Amino acid sequence: MRTHAPSHVRASMIAACAAAMAALFAAAPVSAFHPLITDDAGTRGRGNAEIELAIQHEHDAYRSFDRTVDSIIEGIWGRVSYRDDVNQAGVCVCYGIIDSLDVAVGIPYLHVRTKERRSVYAPGPLQGLAYRSTSTATGAGDLAIAFKWMFFELNGLSLALKPGSTFPIGNEDQGFGTGRISPYLYFILSHETEWVLTHLNLGYIRNENNQYRHEDLWHASLAFEFRAVKEYLRFVVNGGLERCPNKCSRVQNAFVLGGVVVSPTRDFDIDLGFKYSIALPGMESPGPDLTAMGGLTFRFSPGAPAAPSTEERKQG
């Protein structure tokens, strides 16, 4: 038997899924080197601009047990299986105010599709039959604005601070926003050699929200870039651990990511990556099971000389 779950059940599913996706997006640094989650300490240089267009698809399947009063009355209490598919498009614009200071503005747009399957447990002729429903929601997430200040650079080692905040423009009733301003701060370390670049991020996010989620979040991640063909082809790997926003979960969000970046020119990148959530046997990760992502990055120098490369700065 195929039928539809009550409207309040569908709304709660959509809000839970979308809010989780928006929270994870907000926690990630704006304008990281796509497809990496971990940002690098480098800045664009005074007068230089960068536009990043990114898309990603997230898939997550999980189970829960519903014991709410409404579900018991309706006879649909018990084990529930969910499948979430989230398509997200984002744009980020970054501009170099001075050589050591950038400003970045980013916003995501999401489409969430949630499939639910639950069994009828109430005594009667419908017992054992399955309820199936599909719910969708579409909307913009919260706006994010961040500044990156590279305060130290010597012999390939760079250090930076990245303060920023999200601003509530997303529809919080649908779960696409937190409904409040949420500031964050990241410490970034990068080290560059001829063929390998290493990046470390340590972050704190004050996740102000109206969705019964943790307000104090943390993030730690490490990334590597391997130059297969110098300046033209790079392979990237990324791993990290961050606090799950959901107060009902005691499992933290661990992830690994791999990808490739092709640079036909110095001012244009094409990237592709895959991100997996890690969970212990018998446990479900709070993050999406699998994320596929791709992006295009364009760099411009309107009215300003091109920012010198690291090698040029070393020679100078």
Protein backbone atom coordinates (compact mmCIF):
# COMPACT_ATOMS: atom_id res chain seq x y z
CA MET A 1 0.00 0.00 0.00
CA ARG A 2 1.34 3.45 -0.91
CA THR A 3 0.02 6.51 0.84
CA HIS A 4 1.29 9.76 2.34
CA ALA A 5 2.42 10.54 5.85
CA PRO A 6 0.69 13.41 7.65
CA SER A 7 1.84 16.92 6.76
CA HIS A 8 3.44 17.54 10.17
CA VAL A 9 5.55 14.40 9.73
CA ARG A 10 6.72 15.47 6.28
CA ALA A 11 7.55 18.97 7.53
CA SER A 12 9.59 17.67 10.44
CA MET A 13 11.56 15.36 8.14
CA ILE A 14 12.39 18.15 5.71
CA ALA A 15 13.38 20.56 8.47
CA ALA A 16 15.63 18.04 10.18
CA CYS A 17 17.44 17.12 6.97
CA ALA A 18 17.77 20.61 5.54
CA ALA A 19 18.87 22.17 8.82
CA ALA A 20 21.62 19.59 9.12
CA MET A 21 22.88 20.36 5.62
CA ALA A 22 22.76 24.11 6.18
CA ALA A 23 24.59 23.78 9.50
CA LEU A 24 27.37 21.74 7.90
CA PHE A 25 27.72 24.26 5.07
CA ALA A 26 27.92 27.16 7.51
CA ALA A 27 30.57 25.39 9.55
CA ALA A 28 32.85 24.97 6.52
CA PRO A 29 35.19 27.87 5.71
CA VAL A 30 33.94 30.13 2.92
CA SER A 31 36.17 30.07 -0.20
CA ALA A 32 38.30 27.05 0.64
CA PHE A 33 40.29 25.64 -2.30
CA HIS A 34 37.53 23.55 -3.88
CA PRO A 35 36.87 20.64 -3.53
CA LEU A 36 38.70 20.74 -0.17
CA ILE A 37 36.82 21.43 3.06
CA THR A 38 40.08 22.65 4.61
CA ASP A 39 41.09 26.18 3.63
CA ASP A 40 44.61 27.38 2.80
CA ALA A 41 46.34 30.38 4.35
CA GLY A 42 47.00 32.12 1.05
CA THR A 43 45.30 35.37 0.05
CA ARG A 44 44.38 36.70 -3.39
CA GLY A 45 46.49 39.89 -3.28
CA ARG A 46 45.35 43.51 -3.40
CA GLY A 47 42.82 44.17 -6.17
CA ASN A 48 42.54 40.55 -7.28
CA ALA A 49 39.19 38.74 -7.33
CA GLU A 50 38.04 35.13 -7.45
CA ILE A 51 34.65 33.61 -8.26
CA GLU A 52 33.92 30.02 -7.30
CA LEU A 53 30.89 28.13 -8.63
CA ALA A 54 30.27 24.80 -6.89
CA ILE A 55 27.67 22.05 -7.02
CA GLN A 56 27.33 18.93 -4.93
CA HIS A 57 25.03 15.98 -4.38
CA GLU A 58 24.67 14.42 -0.93
CA HIS A 59 23.13 11.03 -0.22
CA ASP A 60 22.26 9.77 3.24
CA ALA A 61 20.29 6.73 4.40
CA TYR A 62 19.48 6.13 8.07
CA ARG A 63 16.93 4.69 10.49
CA SER A 64 15.19 5.86 13.64
CA PHE A 65 12.46 4.74 16.01
CA ASP A 66 9.36 6.94 16.26
CA ARG A 67 7.56 6.96 19.62
CA THR A 68 5.75 10.30 19.38
CA VAL A 69 2.20 10.57 20.71
CA ASP A 70 0.84 11.46 17.25
CA SER A 71 2.47 8.40 15.70
CA ILE A 72 1.09 6.10 18.39
CA ILE A 73 -2.44 7.48 17.93
CA GLU A 74 -2.20 7.11 14.15
CA GLY A 75 -0.80 3.59 14.47
CA ILE A 76 2.42 4.31 12.56
CA TRP A 77 4.82 4.21 15.51
CA GLY A 78 7.93 2.05 15.26
CA ARG A 79 11.03 1.80 13.09
CA VAL A 80 11.36 4.34 10.27
CA SER A 81 13.77 4.29 7.32
CA TYR A 82 14.81 7.54 5.63
CA ARG A 83 16.67 8.39 2.46
CA ASP A 84 17.82 11.98 1.94
CA ASP A 85 19.15 13.36 -1.33
CA VAL A 86 20.35 16.95 -1.27
CA ASN A 87 21.44 18.91 -4.34
CA GLN A 88 23.31 22.08 -3.49
CA ALA A 89 24.64 24.89 -5.67
CA GLY A 90 26.78 27.67 -4.25
CA VAL A 91 28.60 30.77 -5.36
CA CYS A 92 31.44 32.47 -3.51
CA VAL A 93 33.12 35.76 -4.43
CA CYS A 94 36.48 36.65 -2.90
CA TYR A 95 38.35 39.96 -3.18
CA GLY A 96 41.78 41.05 -2.00
CA ILE A 97 41.45 44.24 0.05
CA ILE A 98 45.21 44.39 0.61
CA ASP A 99 47.91 41.82 -0.10
CA SER A 100 47.40 40.07 3.25
CA LEU A 101 43.62 40.51 3.70
CA ASP A 102 40.71 39.01 1.75
CA VAL A 103 36.95 39.28 2.08
CA ALA A 104 34.70 36.45 0.87
CA VAL A 105 30.92 36.26 0.45
CA GLY A 106 29.10 32.99 -0.20
CA ILE A 107 25.57 31.65 -0.34
CA PRO A 108 24.16 28.14 -1.03
CA TYR A 109 20.93 27.14 -2.75
CA LEU A 110 19.52 23.72 -1.81
CA HIS A 111 16.98 21.21 -3.04
CA VAL A 112 16.13 18.49 -0.50
CA ARG A 113 14.26 15.29 -1.26
CA THR A 114 13.38 12.96 1.62
CA LYS A 115 11.87 9.50 1.23
CA GLU A 116 10.30 7.84 4.29
CA ARG A 117 9.22 4.26 4.83
CA ARG A 118 7.46 3.09 7.99
CA SER A 119 5.34 0.08 8.92
CA VAL A 120 1.89 -0.01 10.48
CA TYR A 121 2.07 -1.54 13.98
CA ALA A 122 -1.47 -0.86 15.21
CA PRO A 123 -3.73 -3.92 15.52
CA GLY A 124 -6.11 -4.28 12.57
CA PRO A 125 -6.20 -5.12 8.88
CA LEU A 126 -3.41 -2.63 7.99
CA GLN A 127 -0.86 -4.05 10.42
CA GLY A 128 2.44 -4.86 8.72
CA LEU A 129 1.76 -2.76 5.63
CA ALA A 130 4.16 0.03 4.75
CA TYR A 131 3.59 3.75 4.55
CA ARG A 132 5.80 5.45 1.99
CA SER A 133 6.05 9.17 1.38
CA THR A 134 8.27 11.61 -0.48
CA SER A 135 8.80 15.23 0.55
CA THR A 136 10.77 18.01 -1.14
CA ALA A 137 11.88 21.52 -0.26
CA THR A 138 13.91 24.14 -2.11
CA GLY A 139 15.46 27.39 -0.95
CA ALA A 140 18.52 29.52 -0.29
CA GLY A 141 20.64 28.98 2.80
CA ASP A 142 22.11 31.58 5.10
CA LEU A 143 24.55 34.14 3.71
CA ALA A 144 28.18 33.76 4.88
CA ILE A 145 30.76 36.55 5.01
CA ALA A 146 34.38 35.97 6.07
CA PHE A 147 37.71 37.79 6.22
CA LYS A 148 41.08 36.04 5.92
CA TRP A 149 44.19 37.71 7.31
CA MET A 150 47.54 36.10 6.56
CA PHE A 151 49.69 37.45 9.39
CA PHE A 152 52.85 35.36 8.91
CA GLU A 153 54.77 33.99 5.92
CA LEU A 154 58.30 32.59 5.89
CA ASN A 155 60.08 29.81 3.95
CA GLY A 156 56.89 28.20 2.68
CA LEU A 157 55.06 28.42 6.02
CA SER A 158 51.95 30.64 6.20
CA LEU A 159 49.62 31.38 9.10
CA ALA A 160 46.22 33.04 8.87
CA LEU A 161 43.11 33.86 10.89
CA LYS A 162 39.67 33.69 9.35
CA PRO A 163 36.79 35.33 11.25
CA GLY A 164 33.36 35.28 9.70
CA SER A 165 29.65 34.90 10.29
CA THR A 166 26.47 33.57 8.72
CA PHE A 167 23.46 35.86 8.41
CA PRO A 168 19.86 34.58 8.60
CA ILE A 169 18.34 34.95 5.13
CA GLY A 170 17.34 31.29 4.68
CA ASN A 171 13.84 30.05 5.56
CA GLU A 172 14.27 28.65 9.06
CA ASP A 173 10.76 27.12 9.03
CA GLN A 174 11.93 24.82 6.21
CA GLY A 175 15.28 24.27 7.88
CA PHE A 176 17.37 26.26 5.40
CA GLY A 177 18.62 28.72 7.99
CA THR A 178 19.35 29.00 11.69
CA GLY A 179 17.27 32.15 12.19
CA ARG A 180 20.18 33.89 13.94
CA ILE A 181 23.62 35.38 13.27
CA SER A 182 26.29 32.72 13.85
CA PRO A 183 29.93 33.90 14.04
CA TYR A 184 32.96 31.65 13.63
CA LEU A 185 36.75 31.81 13.74
CA TYR A 186 39.36 29.58 12.04
CA PHE A 187 43.10 29.29 12.52
CA ILE A 188 44.83 28.21 9.30
CA LEU A 189 48.32 26.82 8.78
CA SER A 190 49.77 26.07 5.35
CA HIS A 191 53.17 24.70 4.37
CA GLU A 192 54.36 24.56 0.77
CA THR A 193 57.14 22.56 -0.87
CA GLU A 194 57.81 22.11 -4.55
CA TRP A 195 55.40 19.19 -4.97
CA VAL A 196 53.27 19.03 -1.80
CA LEU A 197 51.12 21.59 0.02
CA THR A 198 49.79 20.89 3.52
CA HIS A 199 46.92 22.73 5.20
CA LEU A 200 45.63 22.55 8.78
CA ASN A 201 42.39 24.14 10.03
CA LEU A 202 41.20 24.53 13.63
CA GLY A 203 37.84 26.26 13.99
CA TYR A 204 35.15 27.33 16.42
CA ILE A 205 31.57 28.05 15.33
CA ARG A 206 29.02 29.73 17.56
CA ASN A 207 25.99 28.00 16.06
CA GLU A 208 23.18 30.29 17.23
CA ASN A 209 19.94 28.60 16.18
CA ASN A 210 16.27 27.94 16.88
CA GLN A 211 16.35 24.23 16.01
CA TYR A 212 17.49 22.59 19.28
CA ARG A 213 21.05 22.09 18.07
CA HIS A 214 24.41 22.51 19.76
CA GLU A 215 25.50 26.13 19.91
CA ASP A 216 29.21 25.44 20.41
CA LEU A 217 30.74 23.59 17.46
CA TRP A 218 34.37 22.81 16.67
CA HIS A 219 36.21 21.74 13.54
CA ALA A 220 39.63 20.18 12.93
CA SER A 221 40.87 19.07 9.50
CA LEU A 222 44.03 18.35 7.54
CA ALA A 223 44.49 18.44 3.75
CA PHE A 224 47.24 17.70 1.24
CA GLU A 225 47.69 18.88 -2.34
CA PHE A 226 49.99 16.83 -4.58
CA ARG A 227 51.25 18.50 -7.76
CA ALA A 228 51.26 15.73 -10.35
CA VAL A 229 51.93 18.17 -13.19
CA LYS A 230 53.16 21.44 -11.75
CA GLU A 231 50.57 24.24 -12.00
CA TYR A 232 48.29 22.11 -14.23
CA LEU A 233 47.21 18.96 -12.36
CA ARG A 234 46.80 18.37 -8.63
CA PHE A 235 45.44 15.51 -6.56
CA VAL A 236 43.95 16.40 -3.17
CA VAL A 237 43.09 14.44 -0.04
CA ASN A 238 41.32 15.77 3.03
CA GLY A 239 40.24 14.40 6.41
CA GLY A 240 38.58 15.95 9.41
CA LEU A 241 36.51 15.71 12.53
CA GLU A 242 33.80 18.13 13.63
CA ARG A 243 31.17 18.22 16.33
CA CYS A 244 27.74 17.03 15.23
CA PRO A 245 25.17 19.86 15.57
CA ASN A 246 22.38 17.44 16.50
CA LYS A 247 21.94 17.27 20.29
CA CYS A 248 20.38 13.82 19.94
CA SER A 249 23.59 12.34 18.54
CA ARG A 250 26.70 11.51 20.54
CA VAL A 251 28.68 10.57 17.42
CA GLN A 252 30.96 13.23 15.93
CA ASN A 253 31.15 13.82 12.21
CA ALA A 254 34.34 12.34 10.72
CA PHE A 255 35.04 12.51 7.00
CA VAL A 256 37.59 11.75 4.30
CA LEU A 257 37.72 13.35 0.87
CA GLY A 258 39.62 12.78 -2.34
CA GLY A 259 39.66 14.76 -5.54
CA VAL A 260 41.45 16.18 -8.55
CA VAL A 261 42.00 19.75 -9.77
CA VAL A 262 42.85 20.59 -13.38
CA SER A 263 44.11 24.09 -14.24
CA PRO A 264 44.07 24.73 -18.02
CA THR A 265 45.31 28.26 -17.27
CA ARG A 266 46.67 30.06 -14.24
CA ASP A 267 43.31 31.79 -13.74
CA PHE A 268 40.91 28.88 -14.25
CA ASP A 269 40.40 25.63 -12.30
CA ILE A 270 38.10 22.64 -12.82
CA ASP A 271 37.69 20.29 -9.86
CA LEU A 272 35.94 17.07 -8.86
CA GLY A 273 35.82 15.39 -5.46
CA PHE A 274 34.12 12.68 -3.39
CA LYS A 275 33.54 12.89 0.36
CA TYR A 276 32.67 9.98 2.65
CA SER A 277 31.45 10.03 6.23
CA ILE A 278 33.14 7.58 8.60
CA ALA A 279 31.26 5.62 11.25
CA LEU A 280 32.16 2.79 13.61
CA PRO A 281 30.61 -0.64 12.89
CA GLY A 282 26.98 -0.70 13.98
CA MET A 283 26.74 3.11 14.14
CA GLU A 284 25.45 5.71 11.70
CA SER A 285 27.50 8.78 10.87
CA PRO A 286 25.76 12.14 11.48
CA GLY A 287 27.06 13.38 8.14
CA PRO A 288 25.93 12.40 4.63
CA ASP A 289 27.06 8.91 3.62
CA LEU A 290 28.43 10.10 0.28
CA THR A 291 28.94 13.51 -1.30
CA ALA A 292 29.97 14.13 -4.90
CA MET A 293 31.12 17.66 -5.70
CA GLY A 294 32.45 19.67 -8.58
CA GLY A 295 33.34 23.27 -9.23
CA LEU A 296 34.74 25.98 -11.47
CA THR A 297 37.04 28.72 -10.19
CA PHE A 298 37.80 31.95 -12.09
CA ARG A 299 40.45 34.47 -11.03
CA PHE A 300 40.57 38.10 -12.17
CA SER A 301 42.85 41.09 -11.70
CA PRO A 302 40.65 44.12 -12.48
CA GLY A 303 42.85 47.20 -12.45
CA ALA A 304 45.59 45.53 -10.41
CA PRO A 305 48.77 43.60 -11.16
CA ALA A 306 48.55 39.83 -10.77
CA ALA A 307 49.45 38.61 -7.31
CA PRO A 308 53.00 37.17 -7.27
CA SER A 309 53.30 33.43 -6.86
CA THR A 310 54.99 31.92 -3.85
CA GLU A 311 58.10 31.18 -5.93
CA GLU A 312 58.22 34.79 -7.18
CA ARG A 313 57.89 36.09 -3.62
CA LYS A 314 60.75 33.84 -2.54
CA GLN A 315 62.97 35.12 -5.38
CA GLY A 316 61.99 38.71 -4.60
